[in-house]
Amino acid sequence: MTLGTARDILPIPIPFAFGTPNLGGPMGTAGGLVFIGAAMDNYLRAFDVETGAELWKGRLPAGGQATPMTCRLHPDGRQYVVIAAGGHGRLGTKLGDTLVAFALPKP
């Protein structure tokens, strides 16, 4: 399985699906999702833990070379996945200083 595209590191944005080097870890949820944003394109992705199928991807304002985390504001509240979109200078990904949160659907 490949992770990432060369979209954000080529001179023109061509979404080749060859995969890219990765820096950052995955985070799993009790609901069977795995989130990772470590690729050299600016996306956070969600995969099905059983099949490995990519279920969703959300665009980040900078590189997501970080490990995402999850939180709830209230015990019975909505679950969020949060990632630091700061990029990585040596990898050449877009630099930034944003913390991005995505709300998961209510069960």
N, C-alpha and C. Protein backbone atom coordinates (compact mmCIF):
# COMPACT_ATOMS: atom_id res chain seq x y z
N MET A 1 0.84 -1.17 0.00
CA MET A 1 0.00 0.00 0.00
C MET A 1 0.89 1.24 0.00
N THR A 2 0.53 2.23 -0.80
CA THR A 2 1.26 3.49 -0.82
C THR A 2 0.54 4.52 0.03
N LEU A 3 1.29 5.48 0.53
CA LEU A 3 0.70 6.57 1.32
C LEU A 3 1.24 7.88 0.78
N GLY A 4 0.35 8.73 0.34
CA GLY A 4 0.72 10.06 -0.12
C GLY A 4 0.88 10.15 -1.62
N THR A 5 0.89 11.40 -2.08
CA THR A 5 1.09 11.71 -3.49
C THR A 5 2.19 12.76 -3.60
N ALA A 6 2.67 12.96 -4.80
CA ALA A 6 3.69 13.98 -5.04
C ALA A 6 3.05 15.33 -5.34
N ARG A 7 1.76 15.47 -5.14
CA ARG A 7 1.02 16.68 -5.51
C ARG A 7 1.65 17.96 -4.97
N ASP A 8 2.05 17.98 -3.72
CA ASP A 8 2.51 19.21 -3.10
C ASP A 8 4.02 19.39 -3.13
N ILE A 9 4.76 18.47 -3.75
CA ILE A 9 6.21 18.62 -3.81
C ILE A 9 6.75 18.76 -5.23
N LEU A 10 5.90 18.63 -6.23
CA LEU A 10 6.31 18.82 -7.62
C LEU A 10 6.10 20.28 -8.03
N PRO A 11 6.81 20.73 -9.06
CA PRO A 11 6.62 22.12 -9.51
C PRO A 11 5.20 22.41 -9.99
N ILE A 12 4.52 21.40 -10.51
CA ILE A 12 3.11 21.54 -10.88
C ILE A 12 2.33 20.48 -10.11
N PRO A 13 1.11 20.80 -9.67
CA PRO A 13 0.37 19.87 -8.79
C PRO A 13 -0.25 18.67 -9.51
N ILE A 14 0.56 17.66 -9.79
CA ILE A 14 0.08 16.43 -10.41
C ILE A 14 -0.06 15.38 -9.31
N PRO A 15 -1.24 14.80 -9.15
CA PRO A 15 -1.47 13.87 -8.04
C PRO A 15 -1.03 12.43 -8.32
N PHE A 16 0.26 12.21 -8.63
CA PHE A 16 0.76 10.85 -8.82
C PHE A 16 0.59 10.06 -7.53
N ALA A 17 0.12 8.83 -7.63
CA ALA A 17 -0.12 8.00 -6.45
C ALA A 17 1.01 6.98 -6.26
N PHE A 18 2.24 7.46 -6.24
CA PHE A 18 3.40 6.59 -6.05
C PHE A 18 3.72 6.38 -4.57
N GLY A 19 3.17 7.19 -3.72
CA GLY A 19 3.54 7.19 -2.32
C GLY A 19 4.74 8.11 -2.11
N THR A 20 4.98 8.50 -0.88
CA THR A 20 6.08 9.41 -0.57
C THR A 20 6.72 8.97 0.75
N PRO A 21 7.91 9.48 1.04
CA PRO A 21 8.45 9.26 2.37
C PRO A 21 7.49 9.82 3.42
N ASN A 22 7.49 9.25 4.59
CA ASN A 22 6.55 9.66 5.64
C ASN A 22 7.29 9.96 6.92
N LEU A 23 6.79 10.95 7.66
CA LEU A 23 7.37 11.30 8.94
C LEU A 23 6.23 11.69 9.87
N GLY A 24 5.90 10.81 10.78
CA GLY A 24 4.77 11.00 11.70
C GLY A 24 4.06 9.68 11.84
N GLY A 25 3.40 9.49 12.94
CA GLY A 25 2.77 8.21 13.19
C GLY A 25 1.27 8.20 13.00
N PRO A 26 0.67 7.01 13.02
CA PRO A 26 -0.78 6.88 12.93
C PRO A 26 -1.43 6.95 14.30
N MET A 27 -2.73 7.15 14.31
CA MET A 27 -3.52 7.16 15.53
C MET A 27 -4.80 6.37 15.24
N GLY A 28 -5.11 5.39 16.09
CA GLY A 28 -6.29 4.56 15.89
C GLY A 28 -7.41 4.94 16.85
N THR A 29 -8.64 4.71 16.42
CA THR A 29 -9.81 4.96 17.26
C THR A 29 -10.49 3.65 17.61
N ALA A 30 -11.30 3.67 18.66
CA ALA A 30 -12.05 2.48 19.07
C ALA A 30 -13.08 2.08 18.01
N GLY A 31 -13.45 3.02 17.13
CA GLY A 31 -14.41 2.75 16.08
C GLY A 31 -13.82 2.10 14.84
N GLY A 32 -12.52 1.75 14.88
CA GLY A 32 -11.93 1.04 13.75
C GLY A 32 -11.35 1.92 12.67
N LEU A 33 -11.01 3.16 13.00
CA LEU A 33 -10.39 4.06 12.04
C LEU A 33 -8.93 4.29 12.41
N VAL A 34 -8.10 4.48 11.41
CA VAL A 34 -6.71 4.86 11.61
C VAL A 34 -6.50 6.17 10.86
N PHE A 35 -5.99 7.18 11.57
CA PHE A 35 -5.72 8.49 10.99
C PHE A 35 -4.22 8.67 10.88
N ILE A 36 -3.76 9.22 9.73
CA ILE A 36 -2.35 9.50 9.54
C ILE A 36 -2.21 10.69 8.59
N GLY A 37 -1.27 11.55 8.91
CA GLY A 37 -1.02 12.72 8.06
C GLY A 37 0.46 12.86 7.74
N ALA A 38 1.22 11.80 7.77
CA ALA A 38 2.68 11.83 7.71
C ALA A 38 3.27 12.00 6.31
N ALA A 39 2.47 11.87 5.28
CA ALA A 39 2.99 11.90 3.91
C ALA A 39 3.43 13.31 3.53
N MET A 40 4.10 13.43 2.39
CA MET A 40 4.62 14.72 1.95
C MET A 40 3.60 15.56 1.20
N ASP A 41 2.36 15.13 1.15
CA ASP A 41 1.29 15.99 0.66
C ASP A 41 0.54 16.53 1.87
N ASN A 42 -0.25 17.51 1.69
CA ASN A 42 -0.90 18.20 2.81
C ASN A 42 -2.30 17.64 3.10
N TYR A 43 -2.35 16.36 3.48
CA TYR A 43 -3.62 15.72 3.79
C TYR A 43 -3.53 14.94 5.10
N LEU A 44 -4.64 14.90 5.80
CA LEU A 44 -4.86 13.95 6.89
C LEU A 44 -5.80 12.91 6.31
N ARG A 45 -5.46 11.64 6.47
CA ARG A 45 -6.27 10.56 5.89
C ARG A 45 -6.83 9.65 6.97
N ALA A 46 -7.99 9.05 6.65
CA ALA A 46 -8.59 8.04 7.52
C ALA A 46 -8.71 6.74 6.75
N PHE A 47 -8.28 5.65 7.40
CA PHE A 47 -8.33 4.33 6.80
C PHE A 47 -9.15 3.39 7.67
N ASP A 48 -9.78 2.41 7.05
CA ASP A 48 -10.48 1.36 7.76
C ASP A 48 -9.43 0.39 8.30
N VAL A 49 -9.45 0.13 9.60
CA VAL A 49 -8.43 -0.72 10.22
C VAL A 49 -8.52 -2.17 9.72
N GLU A 50 -9.68 -2.63 9.32
CA GLU A 50 -9.86 -4.01 8.86
C GLU A 50 -9.41 -4.22 7.41
N THR A 51 -9.77 -3.29 6.53
CA THR A 51 -9.52 -3.48 5.10
C THR A 51 -8.34 -2.67 4.58
N GLY A 52 -7.95 -1.63 5.29
CA GLY A 52 -6.90 -0.74 4.81
C GLY A 52 -7.38 0.26 3.78
N ALA A 53 -8.67 0.26 3.50
CA ALA A 53 -9.22 1.18 2.50
C ALA A 53 -9.20 2.62 3.01
N GLU A 54 -8.81 3.53 2.13
CA GLU A 54 -8.87 4.95 2.47
C GLU A 54 -10.33 5.38 2.43
N LEU A 55 -10.84 5.89 3.55
CA LEU A 55 -12.24 6.27 3.66
C LEU A 55 -12.46 7.76 3.50
N TRP A 56 -11.43 8.56 3.81
CA TRP A 56 -11.59 10.01 3.82
C TRP A 56 -10.22 10.66 3.80
N LYS A 57 -10.15 11.87 3.26
CA LYS A 57 -8.95 12.69 3.43
C LYS A 57 -9.36 14.15 3.49
N GLY A 58 -8.70 14.88 4.37
CA GLY A 58 -8.97 16.30 4.56
C GLY A 58 -7.72 17.10 4.27
N ARG A 59 -7.87 18.18 3.52
CA ARG A 59 -6.74 19.03 3.12
C ARG A 59 -6.26 19.85 4.32
N LEU A 60 -4.95 19.92 4.47
CA LEU A 60 -4.32 20.71 5.54
C LEU A 60 -3.67 21.94 4.93
N PRO A 61 -3.53 23.02 5.71
CA PRO A 61 -2.92 24.24 5.18
C PRO A 61 -1.40 24.14 5.04
N ALA A 62 -0.78 23.15 5.63
CA ALA A 62 0.67 22.92 5.56
C ALA A 62 0.89 21.43 5.78
N GLY A 63 2.16 21.01 5.72
CA GLY A 63 2.47 19.60 5.89
C GLY A 63 2.03 19.05 7.25
N GLY A 64 1.51 17.84 7.25
CA GLY A 64 1.04 17.19 8.48
C GLY A 64 2.02 16.15 8.97
N GLN A 65 3.31 16.49 9.03
CA GLN A 65 4.31 15.55 9.50
C GLN A 65 4.29 15.52 11.02
N ALA A 66 3.24 14.96 11.56
CA ALA A 66 3.01 14.87 13.00
C ALA A 66 2.06 13.70 13.24
N THR A 67 1.98 13.28 14.48
CA THR A 67 1.03 12.22 14.84
C THR A 67 -0.25 12.88 15.32
N PRO A 68 -1.41 12.54 14.73
CA PRO A 68 -2.66 13.13 15.17
C PRO A 68 -3.06 12.63 16.56
N MET A 69 -3.99 13.32 17.17
CA MET A 69 -4.54 12.90 18.45
C MET A 69 -6.05 13.06 18.39
N THR A 70 -6.74 12.48 19.36
CA THR A 70 -8.19 12.59 19.42
C THR A 70 -8.60 13.11 20.78
N CYS A 71 -9.75 13.78 20.80
CA CYS A 71 -10.26 14.30 22.07
C CYS A 71 -11.77 14.49 21.99
N ARG A 72 -12.37 14.59 23.17
CA ARG A 72 -13.78 14.95 23.33
C ARG A 72 -13.84 16.09 24.33
N LEU A 73 -14.68 17.06 24.08
CA LEU A 73 -14.82 18.17 25.01
C LEU A 73 -15.69 17.80 26.20
N HIS A 74 -16.61 16.86 26.00
CA HIS A 74 -17.50 16.35 27.05
C HIS A 74 -17.53 14.83 26.92
N PRO A 75 -17.72 14.09 28.01
CA PRO A 75 -17.72 12.62 27.94
C PRO A 75 -18.70 12.05 26.92
N ASP A 76 -19.84 12.69 26.73
CA ASP A 76 -20.84 12.20 25.77
C ASP A 76 -20.87 13.08 24.51
N GLY A 77 -19.84 13.90 24.33
CA GLY A 77 -19.81 14.83 23.20
C GLY A 77 -19.18 14.26 21.96
N ARG A 78 -19.07 15.11 20.98
CA ARG A 78 -18.51 14.74 19.69
C ARG A 78 -17.01 14.50 19.81
N GLN A 79 -16.50 13.55 19.04
CA GLN A 79 -15.08 13.24 19.03
C GLN A 79 -14.39 14.03 17.92
N TYR A 80 -13.19 14.54 18.21
CA TYR A 80 -12.41 15.31 17.24
C TYR A 80 -11.06 14.64 17.01
N VAL A 81 -10.55 14.78 15.80
CA VAL A 81 -9.18 14.39 15.49
C VAL A 81 -8.43 15.68 15.21
N VAL A 82 -7.30 15.84 15.89
CA VAL A 82 -6.53 17.09 15.83
C VAL A 82 -5.12 16.76 15.34
N ILE A 83 -4.57 17.63 14.47
CA ILE A 83 -3.20 17.46 13.99
C ILE A 83 -2.53 18.82 13.85
N ALA A 84 -1.26 18.86 14.14
CA ALA A 84 -0.46 20.06 13.93
C ALA A 84 0.00 20.08 12.48
N ALA A 85 -0.38 21.11 11.75
CA ALA A 85 0.04 21.28 10.35
C ALA A 85 1.18 22.30 10.35
N GLY A 86 2.38 21.80 10.63
CA GLY A 86 3.54 22.67 10.73
C GLY A 86 4.56 22.46 9.63
N GLY A 87 4.40 21.38 8.87
CA GLY A 87 5.35 21.07 7.81
C GLY A 87 6.68 20.58 8.36
N HIS A 88 7.62 20.41 7.45
CA HIS A 88 8.95 19.93 7.83
C HIS A 88 9.97 20.55 6.87
N GLY A 89 10.86 21.37 7.40
CA GLY A 89 11.82 22.09 6.57
C GLY A 89 12.74 21.20 5.76
N ARG A 90 13.22 20.13 6.33
CA ARG A 90 14.17 19.26 5.61
C ARG A 90 13.48 18.38 4.57
N LEU A 91 12.21 18.08 4.77
CA LEU A 91 11.49 17.30 3.77
C LEU A 91 10.98 18.16 2.62
N GLY A 92 10.96 19.47 2.82
CA GLY A 92 10.50 20.37 1.77
C GLY A 92 9.00 20.55 1.71
N THR A 93 8.29 20.12 2.73
CA THR A 93 6.84 20.33 2.73
C THR A 93 6.54 21.77 3.15
N LYS A 94 5.37 22.24 2.81
CA LYS A 94 4.98 23.60 3.15
C LYS A 94 4.98 23.79 4.66
N LEU A 95 5.61 24.86 5.11
CA LEU A 95 5.67 25.15 6.54
C LEU A 95 4.45 25.94 6.98
N GLY A 96 4.05 25.78 8.23
CA GLY A 96 2.90 26.49 8.78
C GLY A 96 2.93 26.43 10.29
N ASP A 97 1.89 26.97 10.90
CA ASP A 97 1.79 26.94 12.36
C ASP A 97 0.33 26.83 12.79
N THR A 98 -0.36 25.87 12.18
CA THR A 98 -1.80 25.72 12.41
C THR A 98 -2.11 24.41 13.10
N LEU A 99 -3.03 24.45 14.03
CA LEU A 99 -3.59 23.25 14.65
C LEU A 99 -4.97 23.06 14.04
N VAL A 100 -5.19 21.91 13.39
CA VAL A 100 -6.43 21.66 12.66
C VAL A 100 -7.22 20.56 13.36
N ALA A 101 -8.52 20.79 13.55
CA ALA A 101 -9.39 19.81 14.19
C ALA A 101 -10.51 19.43 13.22
N PHE A 102 -10.76 18.13 13.09
CA PHE A 102 -11.85 17.60 12.28
C PHE A 102 -12.82 16.89 13.21
N ALA A 103 -14.11 17.15 13.08
CA ALA A 103 -15.13 16.49 13.88
C ALA A 103 -15.52 15.18 13.24
N LEU A 104 -15.55 14.12 14.03
CA LEU A 104 -16.02 12.82 13.54
C LEU A 104 -17.54 12.80 13.58
N PRO A 105 -18.18 12.03 12.69
CA PRO A 105 -19.64 11.92 12.72
C PRO A 105 -20.09 11.34 14.06
N LYS A 106 -21.24 11.79 14.51
CA LYS A 106 -21.79 11.23 15.75
C LYS A 106 -22.22 9.79 15.51
N PRO A 107 -21.96 8.91 16.50
CA PRO A 107 -22.32 7.48 16.31
C PRO A 107 -23.81 7.27 16.28
